[in-house]
C-alpha atoms as a PDB file:
ATOM      1  CA  MET A   1      18.814 -19.616  19.154  1.00  0.00           C
ATOM      2  CA  PHE A   2      16.247 -16.951  20.056  1.00  0.00           C
ATOM      3  CA  ASP A   3      18.330 -15.009  22.578  1.00  0.00           C
ATOM      4  CA  LYS A   4      17.858 -11.296  22.011  1.00  0.00           C
ATOM      5  CA  GLY A   5      20.103 -10.105  24.817  1.00  0.00           C
ATOM      6  CA  ASN A   6      17.540  -9.956  27.588  1.00  0.00           C
ATOM      7  CA  ARG A   7      14.734 -12.079  28.966  1.00  0.00           C
ATOM      8  CA  ASN A   8      11.779  -9.967  27.801  1.00  0.00           C
ATOM      9  CA  ASP A   9      12.976  -9.546  24.206  1.00  0.00           C
ATOM     10  CA  THR A  10      13.797 -13.250  24.035  1.00  0.00           C
ATOM     11  CA  MET A  11      10.293 -14.168  25.217  1.00  0.00           C
ATOM     12  CA  GLU A  12       8.849 -11.868  22.558  1.00  0.00           C
ATOM     13  CA  ALA A  13      10.988 -13.469  19.830  1.00  0.00           C
ATOM     14  CA  ILE A  14       9.920 -16.951  20.905  1.00  0.00           C
ATOM     15  CA  ASP A  15       6.271 -15.890  21.070  1.00  0.00           C
ATOM     16  CA  HIS A  16       6.432 -14.740  17.438  1.00  0.00           C
ATOM     17  CA  ILE A  17       7.167 -18.266  16.163  1.00  0.00           C
ATOM     18  CA  ILE A  18       3.969 -19.807  17.560  1.00  0.00           C
ATOM     19  CA  PRO A  19       1.876 -19.050  14.419  1.00  0.00           C
ATOM     20  CA  PHE A  20       4.399 -21.027  12.352  1.00  0.00           C
ATOM     21  CA  LEU A  21       3.892 -24.134  14.500  1.00  0.00           C
ATOM     22  CA  LYS A  22       0.301 -24.820  13.418  1.00  0.00           C
ATOM     23  CA  GLY A  23      -0.554 -28.473  13.824  1.00  0.00           C
ATOM     24  CA  ASP A  24       2.586 -29.387  15.781  1.00  0.00           C
ATOM     25  CA  ALA A  25       1.223 -29.850  19.281  1.00  0.00           C
ATOM     26  CA  ASP A  26       4.532 -31.122  20.649  1.00  0.00           C
ATOM     27  CA  MET A  27       6.457 -28.046  19.507  1.00  0.00           C
ATOM     28  CA  ILE A  28       3.719 -25.684  20.684  1.00  0.00           C
ATOM     29  CA  GLY A  29       3.857 -27.366  24.094  1.00  0.00           C
ATOM     30  CA  LEU A  30       7.644 -27.038  24.199  1.00  0.00           C
ATOM     31  CA  VAL A  31       7.525 -23.366  23.213  1.00  0.00           C
ATOM     32  CA  CYS A  32       4.794 -22.573  25.744  1.00  0.00           C
ATOM     33  CA  ASN A  33       6.693 -24.389  28.486  1.00  0.00           C
ATOM     34  CA  THR A  34       9.839 -22.435  27.622  1.00  0.00           C
ATOM     35  CA  LEU A  35       7.928 -19.149  27.711  1.00  0.00           C
ATOM     36  CA  ARG A  36       6.427 -20.072  31.090  1.00  0.00           C
ATOM     37  CA  LYS A  37       9.888 -20.814  32.508  1.00  0.00           C
ATOM     38  CA  LEU A  38      11.316 -17.566  31.156  1.00  0.00           C
ATOM     39  CA  PHE A  39       8.357 -15.622  32.567  1.00  0.00           C
ATOM     40  CA  CYS A  40       8.988 -17.075  36.038  1.00  0.00           C
ATOM     41  CA  MET A  41      12.735 -16.486  35.826  1.00  0.00           C
ATOM     42  CA  SER A  42      14.341 -13.271  37.050  1.00  0.00           C
ATOM     43  CA  ASP A  43      16.520 -11.176  34.757  1.00  0.00           C
ATOM     44  CA  GLU A  44      19.515 -12.189  36.874  1.00  0.00           C
ATOM     45  CA  GLY A  45      18.519 -15.841  36.553  1.00  0.00           C
ATOM     46  CA  TYR A  46      18.365 -15.436  32.786  1.00  0.00           C
ATOM     47  CA  GLU A  47      21.883 -13.989  32.713  1.00  0.00           C
ATOM     48  CA  THR A  48      23.138 -16.920  34.810  1.00  0.00           C
ATOM     49  CA  PHE A  49      21.358 -19.350  32.488  1.00  0.00           C
ATOM     50  CA  LEU A  50      23.086 -17.796  29.456  1.00  0.00           C
ATOM     51  CA  MET A  51      26.501 -18.089  31.113  1.00  0.00           C
ATOM     52  CA  ASP A  52      25.825 -21.735  31.994  1.00  0.00           C
ATOM     53  CA  LEU A  53      24.656 -22.387  28.442  1.00  0.00           C
ATOM     54  CA  GLU A  54      27.862 -20.929  27.004  1.00  0.00           C
ATOM     55  CA  ASP A  55      29.906 -23.177  29.321  1.00  0.00           C
ATOM     56  CA  TYR A  56      27.865 -26.183  28.186  1.00  0.00           C
ATOM     57  CA  LYS A  57      28.338 -25.322  24.502  1.00  0.00           C
ATOM     58  CA  SER A  58      32.097 -24.925  25.029  1.00  0.00           C
ATOM     59  CA  GLU A  59      32.271 -28.354  26.695  1.00  0.00           C
ATOM     60  CA  LEU A  60      30.417 -29.918  23.770  1.00  0.00           C
ATOM     61  CA  GLU A  61      32.778 -28.336  21.253  1.00  0.00           C
ATOM     62  CA  GLU A  62      35.826 -29.538  23.207  1.00  0.00           C
ATOM     63  CA  GLY A  63      34.449 -33.073  23.214  1.00  0.00           C
ATOM     64  CA  GLU A  64      34.248 -33.258  19.414  1.00  0.00           C
END
Protein backbone atom coordinates (compact mmCIF):
# COMPACT_ATOMS: atom_id res chain seq x y z
CA MET A 1 0.00 0.00 0.00
CA PHE A 2 2.82 2.43 0.83
CA ASP A 3 5.50 0.96 -1.43
CA LYS A 4 7.36 3.76 -3.17
CA GLY A 5 9.78 1.58 -5.10
CA ASN A 6 12.56 1.39 -2.54
CA ARG A 7 12.95 0.82 1.17
CA ASN A 8 13.91 4.36 2.21
CA ASP A 9 11.12 6.11 0.30
CA THR A 10 8.61 3.57 1.61
CA MET A 11 9.72 4.20 5.20
CA GLU A 12 9.31 7.94 4.61
CA ALA A 13 5.80 7.46 3.19
CA ILE A 14 4.79 5.32 6.17
CA ASP A 15 6.30 7.82 8.60
CA HIS A 16 4.13 10.59 7.14
CA ILE A 17 0.89 8.85 8.20
CA ILE A 18 1.73 8.82 11.92
CA PRO A 19 0.17 12.28 12.61
CA PHE A 20 -3.14 10.98 11.21
CA LEU A 21 -3.21 8.12 13.73
CA LYS A 22 -3.71 10.29 16.83
CA GLY A 23 -5.39 8.33 19.58
CA ASP A 24 -5.06 4.93 17.90
CA ALA A 25 -2.33 3.30 19.95
CA ASP A 26 -2.70 -0.06 18.20
CA MET A 27 -2.17 1.42 14.74
CA ILE A 28 0.72 3.60 15.92
CA GLY A 29 2.34 0.48 17.39
CA LEU A 30 1.83 -1.42 14.14
CA VAL A 31 3.27 1.42 12.05
CA CYS A 32 6.28 1.85 14.35
CA ASN A 33 6.94 -1.89 14.32
CA THR A 34 6.77 -1.91 10.52
CA LEU A 35 9.19 1.02 10.32
CA ARG A 36 11.58 -0.74 12.71
CA LYS A 37 11.53 -3.89 10.56
CA LEU A 38 12.10 -1.92 7.37
CA PHE A 39 14.97 -0.01 9.01
CA CYS A 40 16.68 -3.29 9.96
CA MET A 41 16.08 -4.83 6.54
CA SER A 42 18.61 -4.51 3.72
CA ASP A 43 17.62 -3.07 0.36
CA GLU A 44 18.04 -6.54 -1.13
CA GLY A 45 15.83 -7.99 1.60
CA TYR A 46 13.18 -5.42 0.77
CA GLU A 47 13.25 -6.40 -2.90
CA THR A 48 12.88 -10.07 -1.93
CA PHE A 49 10.00 -9.18 0.39
CA LEU A 50 8.21 -7.37 -2.46
CA MET A 51 8.61 -10.37 -4.77
CA ASP A 52 7.27 -12.70 -2.06
CA LEU A 53 4.37 -10.34 -1.45
CA GLU A 54 3.45 -10.34 -5.14
CA ASP A 55 3.49 -14.16 -5.14
CA TYR A 56 1.25 -14.17 -2.07
CA LYS A 57 -1.20 -11.71 -3.64
CA SER A 58 -1.34 -13.81 -6.82
CA GLU A 59 -2.11 -16.94 -4.78
CA LEU A 60 -4.93 -15.13 -2.99
CA GLU A 61 -6.44 -13.95 -6.27
CA GLU A 62 -6.26 -17.47 -7.73
CA GLY A 63 -8.07 -18.84 -4.68
CA GLU A 64 -11.09 -16.57 -5.16
